[in-house]
Amino acid sequence: MRPSAAFNLGDRTARKYRGKMASGYEAKRRKQIRWGEENAAVEDMLAELRPQTVIDCPVGTGRFFYLYHQLSVATVTGVDSSEQMLAIARGKLKNKKGPPSYVLQVGDARKLEGLSPSDVIVAVRFLDLIDEPSMQAAMRCFMKLAKRAIICTIRFGDKYVLKSNTAEHDRKKFLAMISRGGFKITGDVPIFEAGWHVLRMERR
């Protein structure tokens, strides 16, 4: 895979997801087949795990808030590099009653400093948008903080496809990395096409 200057975290990502990109994010993506397939897979995986605490990174506009509420998750920590995406997420929590308790903050997935471990890490529509070193750094953070499991989407392959605006990651290298971190894949749902997967990884 060829690294791209466009595929890194921090300020570049934050600048991308603001303005119209942030305000129209969910409305545009709800029309996609992949969106519904991702929701169904994540819902099934979380329903089996029944976590009490979740770190959602990147939390975006709060896509899975409805699901955390349905499952009575006690605490959700949402991290995103875009303050504008977080502002939209906070708007969904106005007049909210009952669990979960939410903490939303700006952060970099490669660091996630100061966070307490949570039962489950949710990282959807993220690892397939960043280069290999950034993906590995983020996964190291996730494996350190996940007490039980990580749910993520990723795209496997051996090249960077410019027109699709996504990064492909080598499956064998990914499996070796999570094995070294003490995790194994316990759920794998192929979604959409061209190598995308929703994975559930649990501590061995």
Protein backbone atom coordinates (compact mmCIF):
# COMPACT_ATOMS: atom_id res chain seq x y z
CA MET A 1 0.00 0.00 0.00
CA ARG A 2 1.33 3.45 -0.84
CA PRO A 3 1.01 5.90 2.06
CA SER A 4 -0.70 9.15 1.22
CA ALA A 5 -0.26 12.55 2.81
CA ALA A 6 -4.05 12.80 2.83
CA PHE A 7 -4.28 9.72 5.05
CA ASN A 8 -3.22 10.81 8.49
CA LEU A 9 -4.89 11.87 11.70
CA GLY A 10 -5.04 15.07 13.68
CA ASP A 11 -5.50 18.43 12.00
CA ARG A 12 -6.03 17.10 8.48
CA THR A 13 -8.87 14.82 9.55
CA ALA A 14 -10.40 17.49 11.74
CA ARG A 15 -10.39 19.96 8.85
CA LYS A 16 -12.06 17.43 6.58
CA TYR A 17 -15.00 16.73 8.86
CA ARG A 18 -16.33 20.21 9.46
CA GLY A 19 -18.84 22.59 7.91
CA LYS A 20 -21.13 20.90 5.39
CA MET A 21 -19.13 17.69 5.66
CA ALA A 22 -20.03 17.46 9.34
CA SER A 23 -23.61 18.75 9.16
CA GLY A 24 -24.55 16.49 6.27
CA TYR A 25 -22.52 13.47 7.31
CA GLU A 26 -25.24 11.11 8.51
CA ALA A 27 -27.94 12.21 6.08
CA LYS A 28 -25.68 11.39 3.15
CA ARG A 29 -24.40 8.08 4.47
CA ARG A 30 -27.71 6.65 5.65
CA LYS A 31 -28.56 6.20 1.97
CA GLN A 32 -25.60 3.86 1.47
CA ILE A 33 -26.05 0.07 1.52
CA ARG A 34 -22.83 -0.25 3.48
CA TRP A 35 -24.20 1.97 6.28
CA GLY A 36 -27.08 -0.39 7.01
CA GLU A 37 -24.87 -3.47 6.82
CA GLU A 38 -22.40 -1.94 9.26
CA ASN A 39 -25.18 -1.00 11.69
CA ALA A 40 -26.61 -4.53 11.66
CA ALA A 41 -23.22 -6.16 12.22
CA VAL A 42 -22.21 -3.82 15.04
CA GLU A 43 -25.61 -4.20 16.68
CA ASP A 44 -25.36 -8.01 16.69
CA MET A 45 -21.82 -7.97 18.05
CA LEU A 46 -22.57 -5.50 20.83
CA ALA A 47 -25.76 -7.35 21.76
CA GLU A 48 -23.70 -10.50 22.32
CA LEU A 49 -21.07 -8.69 24.37
CA ARG A 50 -23.46 -6.57 26.48
CA PRO A 51 -20.73 -4.12 27.60
CA GLN A 52 -21.15 -1.78 30.52
CA THR A 53 -18.50 0.64 29.27
CA VAL A 54 -17.60 1.63 25.70
CA ILE A 55 -15.00 3.84 24.05
CA ASP A 56 -16.30 4.95 20.64
CA CYS A 57 -13.42 6.31 18.54
CA PRO A 58 -14.08 8.08 16.29
CA VAL A 59 -17.52 8.79 17.68
CA GLY A 60 -18.35 11.23 14.87
CA THR A 61 -21.90 12.53 15.13
CA GLY A 62 -23.00 9.84 17.56
CA ARG A 63 -24.06 7.22 15.06
CA PHE A 64 -24.41 4.43 17.62
CA PHE A 65 -25.95 6.42 20.48
CA TYR A 66 -29.32 4.77 19.85
CA LEU A 67 -27.71 1.35 20.20
CA TYR A 68 -25.88 2.17 23.43
CA HIS A 69 -29.20 3.35 24.85
CA GLN A 70 -31.00 0.15 23.77
CA LEU A 71 -28.33 -2.01 25.37
CA SER A 72 -28.26 0.04 28.59
CA VAL A 73 -24.54 0.70 28.38
CA ALA A 74 -23.58 2.53 31.56
CA THR A 75 -20.80 4.81 30.27
CA VAL A 76 -19.73 5.85 26.78
CA THR A 77 -16.53 7.79 26.12
CA GLY A 78 -16.65 9.31 22.65
CA VAL A 79 -13.44 10.59 21.05
CA ASP A 80 -13.12 12.40 17.73
CA SER A 81 -10.62 14.73 16.08
CA SER A 82 -13.39 17.04 14.80
CA GLU A 83 -15.00 19.43 17.27
CA GLN A 84 -17.80 20.11 14.78
CA MET A 85 -18.70 16.42 14.58
CA LEU A 86 -18.69 16.30 18.38
CA ALA A 87 -20.98 19.34 18.53
CA ILE A 88 -23.56 17.46 16.47
CA ALA A 89 -23.17 14.43 18.72
CA ARG A 90 -23.71 16.58 21.82
CA GLY A 91 -26.89 17.93 20.26
CA LYS A 92 -28.33 14.41 20.22
CA LEU A 93 -27.89 14.19 23.97
CA LYS A 94 -30.04 17.18 24.86
CA ASN A 95 -32.98 16.14 27.03
CA LYS A 96 -31.65 12.58 27.13
CA LYS A 97 -32.98 10.46 29.99
CA GLY A 98 -31.41 7.40 31.55
CA PRO A 99 -28.14 5.64 30.70
CA PRO A 100 -25.62 5.81 29.21
CA SER A 101 -23.57 8.55 30.79
CA TYR A 102 -21.58 10.23 28.00
CA VAL A 103 -18.18 11.90 27.96
CA LEU A 104 -17.30 13.40 24.58
CA GLN A 105 -13.88 14.86 23.86
CA VAL A 106 -11.47 15.84 21.11
CA GLY A 107 -8.61 13.40 20.77
CA ASP A 108 -6.15 11.54 18.57
CA ALA A 109 -6.75 7.80 18.19
CA ARG A 110 -3.02 7.16 18.04
CA LYS A 111 -2.61 8.37 21.63
CA LEU A 112 -5.86 8.32 23.65
CA GLU A 113 -4.00 9.55 26.69
CA GLY A 114 -5.73 9.70 30.04
CA LEU A 115 -8.59 7.35 29.18
CA SER A 116 -9.60 4.53 31.48
CA PRO A 117 -9.96 1.04 29.99
CA SER A 118 -13.43 0.08 28.79
CA ASP A 119 -15.14 -3.23 28.13
CA VAL A 120 -15.38 -2.59 24.38
CA ILE A 121 -13.80 -0.26 21.84
CA VAL A 122 -15.90 0.64 18.78
CA ALA A 123 -14.01 2.02 15.77
CA VAL A 124 -16.17 2.15 12.65
CA ARG A 125 -15.32 3.85 9.33
CA PHE A 126 -11.84 4.73 10.45
CA LEU A 127 -9.10 2.14 10.01
CA ASP A 128 -9.81 1.99 6.27
CA LEU A 129 -9.22 5.73 5.98
CA ILE A 130 -5.72 5.94 7.43
CA ASP A 131 -2.29 4.70 6.42
CA GLU A 132 -0.57 1.63 7.82
CA PRO A 133 1.55 3.30 10.54
CA SER A 134 -1.46 5.28 11.80
CA MET A 135 -3.65 2.17 11.77
CA GLN A 136 -1.10 0.23 13.79
CA ALA A 137 -0.69 3.07 16.30
CA ALA A 138 -4.45 3.31 16.75
CA MET A 139 -4.82 -0.45 17.17
CA ARG A 140 -2.09 -0.50 19.81
CA CYS A 141 -4.09 2.07 21.77
CA PHE A 142 -7.31 0.13 21.30
CA MET A 143 -5.73 -3.14 22.44
CA LYS A 144 -4.31 -1.44 25.51
CA LEU A 145 -7.66 0.06 26.52
CA ALA A 146 -10.08 -2.75 25.58
CA LYS A 147 -10.73 -4.97 28.58
CA ARG A 148 -12.83 -7.45 26.59
CA ALA A 149 -13.23 -6.67 22.90
CA ILE A 150 -12.73 -4.37 19.92
CA ILE A 151 -15.31 -3.93 17.16
CA CYS A 152 -14.01 -2.25 14.03
CA THR A 153 -14.39 -1.94 10.30
CA ILE A 154 -11.37 -2.45 8.09
CA ARG A 155 -10.59 -3.06 4.44
CA PHE A 156 -8.16 -5.84 3.57
CA GLY A 157 -6.06 -5.86 0.44
CA ASP A 158 -2.61 -5.01 -0.82
CA LYS A 159 -2.88 -1.58 -2.36
CA TYR A 160 -4.09 1.98 -1.93
CA VAL A 161 -6.96 2.74 -4.28
CA LEU A 162 -7.06 6.48 -4.85
CA LYS A 163 -10.52 6.66 -6.44
CA SER A 164 -12.17 4.81 -3.56
CA ASN A 165 -10.56 7.15 -1.00
CA THR A 166 -9.72 4.21 1.24
CA ALA A 167 -6.66 2.38 2.47
CA GLU A 168 -6.30 -1.38 2.24
CA HIS A 169 -4.41 -3.29 4.92
CA ASP A 170 -2.65 -6.63 4.73
CA ARG A 171 -4.75 -9.27 6.50
CA LYS A 172 -1.83 -11.47 7.57
CA LYS A 173 0.04 -8.53 9.08
CA PHE A 174 -3.13 -7.39 10.85
CA LEU A 175 -3.77 -10.84 12.33
CA ALA A 176 -0.16 -11.08 13.51
CA MET A 177 -0.42 -7.66 15.14
CA ILE A 178 -3.59 -8.42 17.10
CA SER A 179 -2.21 -11.80 18.13
CA ARG A 180 0.85 -10.13 19.61
CA GLY A 181 -1.54 -7.80 21.45
CA GLY A 182 -3.39 -10.75 22.99
CA PHE A 183 -6.50 -10.65 20.79
CA LYS A 184 -8.17 -13.00 18.34
CA ILE A 185 -10.99 -12.55 15.83
CA THR A 186 -14.27 -13.99 17.13
CA GLY A 187 -16.56 -12.38 14.57
CA ASP A 188 -16.04 -11.47 10.92
CA VAL A 189 -18.83 -10.05 8.80
CA PRO A 190 -17.95 -9.17 5.19
CA ILE A 191 -19.86 -6.04 4.22
CA PHE A 192 -20.52 -4.19 1.02
CA GLU A 193 -17.76 -5.32 -1.38
CA ALA A 194 -14.05 -5.07 -2.21
CA GLY A 195 -12.62 -6.31 1.07
CA TRP A 196 -14.55 -4.46 3.77
CA HIS A 197 -15.21 -6.31 7.04
CA VAL A 198 -16.73 -5.69 10.43
CA LEU A 199 -14.53 -7.52 12.94
CA ARG A 200 -15.03 -8.45 16.56
CA MET A 201 -11.77 -9.15 18.36
CA GLU A 202 -11.70 -10.49 21.90
CA ARG A 203 -8.95 -11.02 24.42
CA ARG A 204 -7.60 -14.55 24.39
